[in-house]
Amino acid sequence: MPRIEPTDLMSKVRICFPRPLGLDETKSLLKYIVLNLPASISYHIKQHISLGLNNNGKGIIEELGTFTIGGNITRVDKSFTFDSFEMVSSFLEDYPRCSAIQFQLTPGWDYTEYRPEVRKLWDATRKVVANYFEDQKKSRKA
């Protein structure tokens, strides 16, 4: 197998979304992956939240800021097939969004150094994510 250059490797480990997702829809995507891969996903969310008083000083204003999500995806139909991931934040929006899923990179590794079943997990997840956005498009037209 020919050596894959780092930029090509990034295209293998990163699944870019056709549109950025907010926190709730990002959670919906993860649930969709669980059902359709099938998989088990364990993840954590870190979010910046600001609280302050409103103009009259009697109420509270809550502003939700950027969030990060990281975790693990494990295939439930294939033993020992798992990988870590992080959601990639989109900074092109005025409100927090995710624009991609990125699997864990090991510095200095070539594509062929990743286990074949892990590479298959990346590809299978990419297909499920594409199906999610197709399903969303169809449901919006209906």
Protein backbone atom coordinates (compact mmCIF):
# COMPACT_ATOMS: atom_id res chain seq x y z
CA MET A 1 0.00 0.00 0.00
CA PRO A 2 1.48 3.39 -0.94
CA ARG A 3 2.32 5.84 1.80
CA ILE A 4 -0.48 8.33 2.49
CA GLU A 5 0.73 11.87 3.06
CA PRO A 6 -0.33 13.69 6.28
CA THR A 7 -2.92 15.85 4.50
CA ASP A 8 -4.49 12.72 3.01
CA LEU A 9 -4.37 11.03 6.41
CA MET A 10 -6.28 14.00 7.87
CA SER A 11 -8.99 13.47 5.25
CA LYS A 12 -9.27 9.86 6.45
CA VAL A 13 -9.57 10.65 10.17
CA ARG A 14 -11.76 13.77 9.83
CA ILE A 15 -15.41 13.56 8.80
CA CYS A 16 -16.54 17.05 7.77
CA PHE A 17 -20.22 17.92 7.98
CA PRO A 18 -22.05 19.62 5.10
CA ARG A 19 -23.32 22.15 7.65
CA PRO A 20 -22.32 22.94 11.26
CA LEU A 21 -24.37 21.41 14.09
CA GLY A 22 -25.43 22.89 17.41
CA LEU A 23 -25.10 20.95 20.64
CA ASP A 24 -28.54 19.30 20.55
CA GLU A 25 -28.18 18.18 16.95
CA THR A 26 -24.64 16.95 17.63
CA LYS A 27 -26.09 14.72 20.36
CA SER A 28 -28.74 13.54 17.87
CA LEU A 29 -26.00 12.64 15.39
CA LEU A 30 -24.16 10.61 18.04
CA LYS A 31 -27.40 8.72 18.83
CA TYR A 32 -27.90 8.10 15.10
CA ILE A 33 -24.37 6.63 14.90
CA VAL A 34 -25.12 4.35 17.88
CA LEU A 35 -28.24 2.99 16.18
CA ASN A 36 -26.91 2.70 12.65
CA LEU A 37 -23.26 1.66 12.94
CA PRO A 38 -24.13 -0.07 15.43
CA ALA A 39 -21.91 1.25 18.19
CA SER A 40 -21.50 2.20 21.78
CA ILE A 41 -20.42 5.80 22.30
CA SER A 42 -19.08 7.23 25.53
CA TYR A 43 -18.48 10.98 25.49
CA HIS A 44 -18.06 14.07 27.65
CA ILE A 45 -19.16 17.64 26.99
CA LYS A 46 -17.38 20.77 28.15
CA GLN A 47 -19.23 24.06 27.57
CA HIS A 48 -18.59 27.68 28.41
CA ILE A 49 -21.67 29.30 30.02
CA SER A 50 -21.94 32.94 31.14
CA LEU A 51 -24.48 34.07 33.74
CA GLY A 52 -25.32 37.68 34.48
CA LEU A 53 -28.09 40.02 35.54
CA ASN A 54 -30.51 41.41 32.99
CA ASN A 55 -31.03 45.17 32.48
CA ASN A 56 -33.35 45.65 35.46
CA GLY A 57 -31.05 43.60 37.70
CA LYS A 58 -33.82 41.24 38.79
CA GLY A 59 -33.46 38.41 36.31
CA ILE A 60 -30.64 36.24 35.09
CA ILE A 61 -29.33 36.07 31.56
CA GLU A 62 -27.63 32.85 30.50
CA GLU A 63 -25.40 32.83 27.42
CA LEU A 64 -24.20 29.50 26.06
CA GLY A 65 -20.72 29.63 24.59
CA THR A 66 -18.42 27.24 22.82
CA PHE A 67 -18.51 23.55 23.62
CA THR A 68 -16.22 20.60 23.06
CA ILE A 69 -17.16 16.95 22.87
CA GLY A 70 -14.72 14.07 23.04
CA GLY A 71 -15.12 10.37 23.59
CA ASN A 72 -14.86 6.84 22.21
CA ILE A 73 -16.77 4.93 19.56
CA THR A 74 -16.82 1.14 19.88
CA ARG A 75 -18.35 -1.18 17.28
CA VAL A 76 -20.73 -3.53 19.08
CA ASP A 77 -20.75 -6.03 16.21
CA LYS A 78 -16.96 -6.34 15.99
CA SER A 79 -14.78 -7.05 19.00
CA PHE A 80 -11.92 -4.69 19.88
CA THR A 81 -12.86 -2.16 17.22
CA PHE A 82 -12.85 1.27 18.83
CA ASP A 83 -11.25 4.68 18.53
CA SER A 84 -11.24 8.03 20.29
CA PHE A 85 -12.80 11.08 18.68
CA GLU A 86 -13.33 14.79 19.18
CA MET A 87 -15.89 17.06 17.62
CA VAL A 88 -14.26 19.93 15.73
CA SER A 89 -15.63 23.35 16.64
CA SER A 90 -16.77 25.74 13.94
CA PHE A 91 -15.62 29.29 14.55
CA LEU A 92 -17.44 30.69 11.52
CA GLU A 93 -20.68 31.06 13.43
CA ASP A 94 -21.85 33.55 16.07
CA TYR A 95 -23.02 30.69 18.25
CA PRO A 96 -21.41 27.36 19.15
CA ARG A 97 -21.33 24.72 16.42
CA CYS A 98 -19.48 21.54 15.44
CA SER A 99 -18.24 21.11 11.89
CA ALA A 100 -16.61 17.64 11.94
CA ILE A 101 -15.74 14.48 13.84
CA GLN A 102 -12.03 13.77 14.07
CA PHE A 103 -10.60 10.45 15.15
CA GLN A 104 -7.39 10.23 17.15
CA LEU A 105 -4.14 10.75 15.28
CA THR A 106 -0.90 9.22 16.50
CA PRO A 107 2.00 11.60 15.68
CA GLY A 108 4.39 10.15 13.12
CA TRP A 109 2.14 7.26 12.13
CA ASP A 110 1.41 6.44 8.52
CA TYR A 111 -2.08 5.32 7.47
CA THR A 112 -0.95 1.68 7.27
CA GLU A 113 0.17 1.71 10.92
CA TYR A 114 -3.44 2.02 12.10
CA ARG A 115 -5.17 -1.33 12.56
CA PRO A 116 -7.27 -2.31 9.53
CA GLU A 117 -10.40 -2.64 11.68
CA VAL A 118 -9.91 0.92 12.99
CA ARG A 119 -9.61 2.22 9.42
CA LYS A 120 -12.84 0.35 8.62
CA LEU A 121 -14.47 2.01 11.64
CA TRP A 122 -13.54 5.43 10.23
CA ASP A 123 -15.03 4.54 6.84
CA ALA A 124 -18.20 3.02 8.34
CA THR A 125 -18.70 6.08 10.56
CA ARG A 126 -18.22 8.35 7.53
CA LYS A 127 -21.01 6.46 5.70
CA VAL A 128 -23.37 6.67 8.69
CA VAL A 129 -22.72 10.41 9.05
CA ALA A 130 -23.45 10.91 5.32
CA ASN A 131 -26.69 8.93 5.75
CA TYR A 132 -27.65 11.12 8.72
CA PHE A 133 -27.42 14.28 6.64
CA GLU A 134 -29.29 12.65 3.74
CA ASP A 135 -32.07 11.59 6.14
CA GLN A 136 -32.19 15.14 7.54
CA LYS A 137 -32.50 16.56 4.02
CA LYS A 138 -35.36 14.16 3.19
CA SER A 139 -37.25 14.88 6.42
CA ARG A 140 -37.02 18.65 5.80
CA LYS A 141 -38.53 18.22 2.32
CA ALA A 142 -41.40 16.10 3.63
